[in-house]
Amino acid sequence: MQEDANTNADNTNSNPGKLQDTSRSAAIADMQQKIQIEEISPGLYRATTEKSAYIIEYDMNKCIGAASCAAIAPLTFFMNEENKAQIQEDVPDFDEDDVIMAAAQSCPVFAIKIIDKASGEVLFPIE
């Protein structure tokens, strides 16, 4: 009888682990649906979220590591180990649009372009 109880206890212990793995996978899939990032050419990225009216176009090749974008919009940008800005992937959502615009405007080398998602018009930098 005790052996049966131990077997049931083992099954009970293994199920919560599987549930946690499943819920973690679902959370990651949910984040991936909200944030879309695409490398359109080497070092050139396009990103947006469901709620954002913007498409962010970021050119890592232009980045000089000033870090102002990451300081202003930490849910959108972070500094990698090479001291280059990188777009966040593991966050539930990016910063608000006005914060993202401020981050783009703070970049001294214009490595961040902001495009209106609805019209395709470049909002910053104005060319």
N, C-alpha and C. Protein backbone atom coordinates (compact mmCIF):
# COMPACT_ATOMS: atom_id res chain seq x y z
N MET A 1 0.81 -1.19 0.00
CA MET A 1 0.00 0.00 0.00
C MET A 1 0.86 1.26 0.00
N GLN A 2 1.94 1.22 0.74
CA GLN A 2 2.79 2.40 0.79
C GLN A 2 3.44 2.65 -0.56
N GLU A 3 3.75 1.58 -1.28
CA GLU A 3 4.36 1.75 -2.60
C GLU A 3 3.40 2.47 -3.54
N ASP A 4 2.09 2.12 -3.47
CA ASP A 4 1.10 2.79 -4.32
C ASP A 4 1.03 4.27 -3.97
N ALA A 5 1.09 4.61 -2.71
CA ALA A 5 1.02 6.01 -2.28
C ALA A 5 2.23 6.77 -2.81
N ASN A 6 3.40 6.12 -2.77
CA ASN A 6 4.59 6.79 -3.28
C ASN A 6 4.51 7.00 -4.78
N THR A 7 3.95 6.03 -5.49
CA THR A 7 3.80 6.17 -6.93
C THR A 7 2.89 7.34 -7.25
N ASN A 8 1.77 7.45 -6.53
CA ASN A 8 0.86 8.57 -6.75
C ASN A 8 1.54 9.89 -6.41
N ALA A 9 2.33 9.89 -5.35
CA ALA A 9 3.04 11.10 -4.97
C ALA A 9 4.01 11.51 -6.07
N ASP A 10 4.69 10.52 -6.69
CA ASP A 10 5.61 10.85 -7.77
C ASP A 10 4.87 11.44 -8.96
N ASN A 11 3.72 10.88 -9.31
CA ASN A 11 2.94 11.40 -10.42
C ASN A 11 2.47 12.81 -10.14
N THR A 12 2.08 13.07 -8.91
CA THR A 12 1.62 14.40 -8.53
C THR A 12 2.76 15.40 -8.65
N ASN A 13 3.96 15.00 -8.25
CA ASN A 13 5.10 15.91 -8.30
C ASN A 13 5.52 16.22 -9.74
N SER A 14 5.36 15.26 -10.64
CA SER A 14 5.80 15.50 -12.01
C SER A 14 4.80 16.35 -12.79
N ASN A 15 3.53 16.29 -12.47
CA ASN A 15 2.53 17.07 -13.18
C ASN A 15 2.70 18.58 -13.01
N PRO A 16 2.94 19.09 -11.79
CA PRO A 16 3.11 20.54 -11.68
C PRO A 16 4.27 21.06 -12.52
N GLY A 17 5.34 20.29 -12.63
CA GLY A 17 6.46 20.71 -13.46
C GLY A 17 6.05 20.85 -14.92
N LYS A 18 5.27 19.93 -15.39
CA LYS A 18 4.79 19.98 -16.77
C LYS A 18 3.86 21.16 -16.97
N LEU A 19 3.01 21.44 -15.99
CA LEU A 19 2.12 22.59 -16.08
C LEU A 19 2.91 23.89 -16.12
N GLN A 20 3.97 23.99 -15.32
CA GLN A 20 4.79 25.19 -15.30
C GLN A 20 5.47 25.38 -16.65
N ASP A 21 6.00 24.29 -17.22
CA ASP A 21 6.65 24.38 -18.53
C ASP A 21 5.65 24.83 -19.59
N THR A 22 4.43 24.30 -19.54
CA THR A 22 3.41 24.66 -20.51
C THR A 22 3.01 26.11 -20.37
N SER A 23 2.83 26.59 -19.13
CA SER A 23 2.44 27.98 -18.95
C SER A 23 3.57 28.92 -19.33
N ARG A 24 4.82 28.52 -19.10
CA ARG A 24 5.96 29.35 -19.52
C ARG A 24 6.02 29.43 -21.04
N SER A 25 5.81 28.32 -21.71
CA SER A 25 5.80 28.31 -23.17
C SER A 25 4.68 29.19 -23.70
N ALA A 26 3.53 29.14 -23.07
CA ALA A 26 2.40 29.98 -23.48
C ALA A 26 2.73 31.45 -23.28
N ALA A 27 3.39 31.78 -22.18
CA ALA A 27 3.76 33.17 -21.91
C ALA A 27 4.76 33.68 -22.95
N ILE A 28 5.73 32.85 -23.31
CA ILE A 28 6.70 33.24 -24.33
C ILE A 28 6.01 33.40 -25.68
N ALA A 29 5.12 32.50 -26.02
CA ALA A 29 4.38 32.61 -27.28
C ALA A 29 3.53 33.88 -27.30
N ASP A 30 2.93 34.22 -26.16
CA ASP A 30 2.13 35.44 -26.06
C ASP A 30 3.00 36.67 -26.28
N MET A 31 4.21 36.69 -25.67
CA MET A 31 5.13 37.81 -25.86
C MET A 31 5.54 37.93 -27.32
N GLN A 32 5.79 36.79 -27.97
CA GLN A 32 6.23 36.81 -29.36
C GLN A 32 5.12 37.34 -30.28
N GLN A 33 3.85 37.13 -29.89
CA GLN A 33 2.76 37.66 -30.68
C GLN A 33 2.66 39.17 -30.53
N LYS A 34 2.94 39.70 -29.33
CA LYS A 34 2.83 41.12 -29.08
C LYS A 34 4.00 41.89 -29.68
N ILE A 35 5.18 41.33 -29.65
CA ILE A 35 6.38 41.99 -30.16
C ILE A 35 6.84 41.26 -31.42
N GLN A 36 6.98 42.01 -32.51
CA GLN A 36 7.47 41.42 -33.75
C GLN A 36 8.78 42.10 -34.12
N ILE A 37 9.84 41.32 -34.22
CA ILE A 37 11.16 41.82 -34.59
C ILE A 37 11.65 41.01 -35.78
N GLU A 38 12.16 41.73 -36.77
CA GLU A 38 12.66 41.07 -37.97
C GLU A 38 13.99 41.71 -38.36
N GLU A 39 14.98 40.90 -38.67
CA GLU A 39 16.24 41.41 -39.20
C GLU A 39 16.08 41.45 -40.72
N ILE A 40 16.00 42.68 -41.27
CA ILE A 40 15.72 42.82 -42.70
C ILE A 40 16.98 42.79 -43.56
N SER A 41 18.11 43.06 -42.95
CA SER A 41 19.43 42.87 -43.56
C SER A 41 20.42 42.82 -42.40
N PRO A 42 21.65 42.41 -42.62
CA PRO A 42 22.58 42.28 -41.49
C PRO A 42 22.69 43.56 -40.66
N GLY A 43 22.27 43.47 -39.40
CA GLY A 43 22.34 44.59 -38.47
C GLY A 43 21.21 45.59 -38.57
N LEU A 44 20.27 45.39 -39.49
CA LEU A 44 19.13 46.30 -39.66
C LEU A 44 17.85 45.58 -39.26
N TYR A 45 17.19 46.14 -38.24
CA TYR A 45 16.03 45.48 -37.64
C TYR A 45 14.78 46.33 -37.78
N ARG A 46 13.65 45.67 -37.92
CA ARG A 46 12.33 46.30 -37.86
C ARG A 46 11.57 45.64 -36.73
N ALA A 47 10.91 46.48 -35.93
CA ALA A 47 10.17 45.95 -34.79
C ALA A 47 8.91 46.77 -34.57
N THR A 48 7.90 46.12 -34.05
CA THR A 48 6.67 46.78 -33.64
C THR A 48 5.96 45.90 -32.62
N THR A 49 4.90 46.44 -32.06
CA THR A 49 4.06 45.68 -31.15
C THR A 49 2.61 45.84 -31.59
N GLU A 50 1.74 45.02 -31.02
CA GLU A 50 0.32 45.10 -31.35
C GLU A 50 -0.25 46.49 -31.06
N LYS A 51 0.12 47.07 -29.92
CA LYS A 51 -0.49 48.33 -29.49
C LYS A 51 0.16 49.56 -30.13
N SER A 52 1.35 49.43 -30.66
CA SER A 52 2.09 50.58 -31.15
C SER A 52 1.60 51.05 -32.52
N ALA A 53 1.61 52.35 -32.72
CA ALA A 53 1.30 52.93 -34.02
C ALA A 53 2.57 53.07 -34.85
N TYR A 54 3.70 52.67 -34.28
CA TYR A 54 5.00 52.84 -34.92
C TYR A 54 5.63 51.52 -35.35
N ILE A 55 6.48 51.63 -36.36
CA ILE A 55 7.44 50.59 -36.70
C ILE A 55 8.80 51.21 -36.37
N ILE A 56 9.59 50.51 -35.60
CA ILE A 56 10.94 50.97 -35.28
C ILE A 56 11.89 50.31 -36.26
N GLU A 57 12.70 51.11 -36.92
CA GLU A 57 13.75 50.57 -37.78
C GLU A 57 15.07 50.97 -37.14
N TYR A 58 15.83 49.98 -36.72
CA TYR A 58 17.07 50.23 -35.98
C TYR A 58 18.25 49.66 -36.73
N ASP A 59 19.27 50.51 -36.97
CA ASP A 59 20.48 50.09 -37.68
C ASP A 59 21.62 49.96 -36.67
N MET A 60 21.88 48.73 -36.26
CA MET A 60 22.94 48.46 -35.29
C MET A 60 24.32 48.86 -35.83
N ASN A 61 24.48 48.84 -37.14
CA ASN A 61 25.75 49.21 -37.76
C ASN A 61 26.11 50.68 -37.53
N LYS A 62 25.11 51.52 -37.35
CA LYS A 62 25.34 52.95 -37.09
C LYS A 62 25.57 53.24 -35.62
N CYS A 63 25.16 52.35 -34.73
CA CYS A 63 25.19 52.59 -33.30
C CYS A 63 26.61 52.83 -32.80
N ILE A 64 26.78 53.91 -32.00
CA ILE A 64 28.09 54.21 -31.41
C ILE A 64 28.10 53.95 -29.90
N GLY A 65 27.01 53.42 -29.37
CA GLY A 65 26.97 53.06 -27.95
C GLY A 65 26.71 54.22 -27.01
N ALA A 66 26.04 55.26 -27.46
CA ALA A 66 25.75 56.40 -26.59
C ALA A 66 24.81 56.01 -25.44
N ALA A 67 23.99 55.02 -25.65
CA ALA A 67 23.09 54.43 -24.64
C ALA A 67 21.91 55.31 -24.24
N SER A 68 21.71 56.42 -24.92
CA SER A 68 20.58 57.27 -24.57
C SER A 68 19.25 56.58 -24.85
N CYS A 69 19.17 55.78 -25.90
CA CYS A 69 17.93 55.08 -26.22
C CYS A 69 17.56 54.10 -25.12
N ALA A 70 18.55 53.36 -24.61
CA ALA A 70 18.30 52.38 -23.55
C ALA A 70 17.95 53.07 -22.24
N ALA A 71 18.51 54.25 -21.99
CA ALA A 71 18.19 54.99 -20.77
C ALA A 71 16.77 55.55 -20.83
N ILE A 72 16.35 55.99 -21.99
CA ILE A 72 15.02 56.60 -22.14
C ILE A 72 13.93 55.54 -22.29
N ALA A 73 14.19 54.51 -23.06
CA ALA A 73 13.17 53.48 -23.36
C ALA A 73 13.70 52.09 -23.02
N PRO A 74 13.83 51.78 -21.73
CA PRO A 74 14.43 50.50 -21.32
C PRO A 74 13.59 49.26 -21.63
N LEU A 75 12.31 49.42 -21.90
CA LEU A 75 11.49 48.27 -22.29
C LEU A 75 11.63 47.97 -23.78
N THR A 76 12.25 48.89 -24.50
CA THR A 76 12.40 48.73 -25.95
C THR A 76 13.85 48.43 -26.34
N PHE A 77 14.80 49.10 -25.68
CA PHE A 77 16.22 48.95 -26.01
C PHE A 77 17.04 48.56 -24.78
N PHE A 78 18.13 47.84 -25.02
CA PHE A 78 19.12 47.58 -23.98
C PHE A 78 20.49 47.57 -24.64
N MET A 79 21.52 47.72 -23.83
CA MET A 79 22.88 47.71 -24.34
C MET A 79 23.44 46.29 -24.22
N ASN A 80 23.94 45.74 -25.31
CA ASN A 80 24.48 44.38 -25.28
C ASN A 80 25.94 44.39 -24.81
N GLU A 81 26.56 43.24 -24.79
CA GLU A 81 27.92 43.10 -24.29
C GLU A 81 28.96 43.82 -25.15
N GLU A 82 28.59 44.18 -26.37
CA GLU A 82 29.49 44.94 -27.26
C GLU A 82 29.23 46.45 -27.17
N ASN A 83 28.42 46.86 -26.19
CA ASN A 83 28.02 48.25 -25.98
C ASN A 83 27.29 48.82 -27.19
N LYS A 84 26.48 48.00 -27.81
CA LYS A 84 25.60 48.43 -28.89
C LYS A 84 24.16 48.26 -28.40
N ALA A 85 23.30 49.17 -28.82
CA ALA A 85 21.88 49.02 -28.47
C ALA A 85 21.33 47.80 -29.19
N GLN A 86 20.36 47.20 -28.55
CA GLN A 86 19.67 46.05 -29.12
C GLN A 86 18.21 46.16 -28.74
N ILE A 87 17.33 45.67 -29.58
CA ILE A 87 15.90 45.72 -29.30
C ILE A 87 15.54 44.58 -28.35
N GLN A 88 14.77 44.91 -27.32
CA GLN A 88 14.33 43.91 -26.34
C GLN A 88 13.46 42.86 -27.01
N GLU A 89 13.62 41.62 -26.59
CA GLU A 89 12.78 40.53 -27.08
C GLU A 89 11.98 39.88 -25.96
N ASP A 90 12.53 39.89 -24.75
CA ASP A 90 11.93 39.15 -23.64
C ASP A 90 11.18 40.07 -22.67
N VAL A 91 10.40 40.99 -23.20
CA VAL A 91 9.56 41.87 -22.39
C VAL A 91 8.12 41.69 -22.84
N PRO A 92 7.17 41.94 -21.97
CA PRO A 92 5.78 41.77 -22.36
C PRO A 92 5.33 42.78 -23.42
N ASP A 93 5.93 43.97 -23.42
CA ASP A 93 5.59 44.99 -24.41
C ASP A 93 6.67 46.06 -24.39
N PHE A 94 6.74 46.84 -25.46
CA PHE A 94 7.67 47.96 -25.53
C PHE A 94 7.15 49.14 -24.73
N ASP A 95 7.97 50.18 -24.63
CA ASP A 95 7.57 51.43 -24.02
C ASP A 95 6.44 52.06 -24.85
N GLU A 96 5.81 53.09 -24.28
CA GLU A 96 4.77 53.83 -25.00
C GLU A 96 5.40 54.53 -26.21
N ASP A 97 4.59 54.83 -27.21
CA ASP A 97 5.09 55.43 -28.45
C ASP A 97 5.84 56.74 -28.23
N ASP A 98 5.34 57.61 -27.34
CA ASP A 98 6.03 58.89 -27.13
C ASP A 98 7.41 58.69 -26.52
N VAL A 99 7.57 57.65 -25.71
CA VAL A 99 8.87 57.33 -25.11
C VAL A 99 9.82 56.78 -26.18
N ILE A 100 9.30 55.94 -27.06
CA ILE A 100 10.10 55.39 -28.15
C ILE A 100 10.56 56.51 -29.09
N MET A 101 9.67 57.45 -29.36
CA MET A 101 10.04 58.60 -30.21
C MET A 101 11.15 59.41 -29.54
N ALA A 102 11.04 59.64 -28.24
CA ALA A 102 12.08 60.39 -27.52
C ALA A 102 13.41 59.65 -27.57
N ALA A 103 13.37 58.34 -27.46
CA ALA A 103 14.60 57.54 -27.55
C ALA A 103 15.24 57.68 -28.92
N ALA A 104 14.43 57.62 -29.97
CA ALA A 104 14.95 57.79 -31.33
C ALA A 104 15.56 59.17 -31.51
N GLN A 105 14.89 60.17 -31.00
CA GLN A 105 15.37 61.55 -31.14
C GLN A 105 16.65 61.79 -30.34
N SER A 106 16.90 60.98 -29.34
CA SER A 106 18.10 61.15 -28.52
C SER A 106 19.35 60.54 -29.15
N CYS A 107 19.18 59.71 -30.16
CA CYS A 107 20.33 59.04 -30.79
C CYS A 107 21.17 60.03 -31.58
N PRO A 108 22.44 60.20 -31.23
CA PRO A 108 23.27 61.20 -31.91
C PRO A 108 23.62 60.86 -33.36
N VAL A 109 23.45 59.58 -33.75
CA VAL A 109 23.81 59.18 -35.12
C VAL A 109 22.59 58.72 -35.94
N PHE A 110 21.39 58.99 -35.44
CA PHE A 110 20.15 58.65 -36.14
C PHE A 110 20.09 57.18 -36.54
N ALA A 111 20.45 56.31 -35.61
CA ALA A 111 20.41 54.87 -35.87
C ALA A 111 19.00 54.31 -35.75
N ILE A 112 18.07 55.12 -35.22
CA ILE A 112 16.69 54.66 -35.00
C ILE A 112 15.75 55.50 -35.86
N LYS A 113 15.00 54.82 -36.70
CA LYS A 113 14.01 55.48 -37.56
C LYS A 113 12.62 55.07 -37.04
N ILE A 114 11.70 56.02 -37.02
CA ILE A 114 10.33 55.75 -36.60
C ILE A 114 9.42 55.92 -37.82
N ILE A 115 8.64 54.89 -38.10
CA ILE A 115 7.75 54.86 -39.26
C ILE A 115 6.32 54.70 -38.77
N ASP A 116 5.41 55.48 -39.32
CA ASP A 116 3.99 55.35 -38.99
C ASP A 116 3.49 54.02 -39.56
N LYS A 117 2.95 53.17 -38.70
CA LYS A 117 2.53 51.84 -39.12
C LYS A 117 1.39 51.90 -40.13
N ALA A 118 0.47 52.84 -39.98
CA ALA A 118 -0.70 52.92 -40.85
C ALA A 118 -0.36 53.45 -42.24
N SER A 119 0.45 54.50 -42.30
CA SER A 119 0.71 55.16 -43.59
C SER A 119 2.04 54.78 -44.23
N GLY A 120 2.99 54.28 -43.43
CA GLY A 120 4.32 53.98 -43.95
C GLY A 120 5.22 55.21 -44.00
N GLU A 121 4.70 56.36 -43.54
CA GLU A 121 5.45 57.61 -43.56
C GLU A 121 6.55 57.61 -42.48
N VAL A 122 7.74 58.06 -42.85
CA VAL A 122 8.83 58.19 -41.88
C VAL A 122 8.55 59.43 -41.04
N LEU A 123 8.40 59.21 -39.73
CA LEU A 123 8.12 60.30 -38.80
C LEU A 123 9.39 60.91 -38.23
N PHE A 124 10.42 60.08 -38.10
CA PHE A 124 11.72 60.53 -37.60
C PHE A 124 12.80 59.60 -38.10
N PRO A 125 13.95 60.10 -38.52
CA PRO A 125 14.24 61.51 -38.76
C PRO A 125 13.55 61.98 -40.03
N ILE A 126 13.21 63.23 -40.05
CA ILE A 126 12.57 63.80 -41.24
C ILE A 126 13.66 64.02 -42.28
N GLU A 127 13.49 63.41 -43.42
CA GLU A 127 14.53 63.44 -44.46
C GLU A 127 14.27 64.51 -45.49
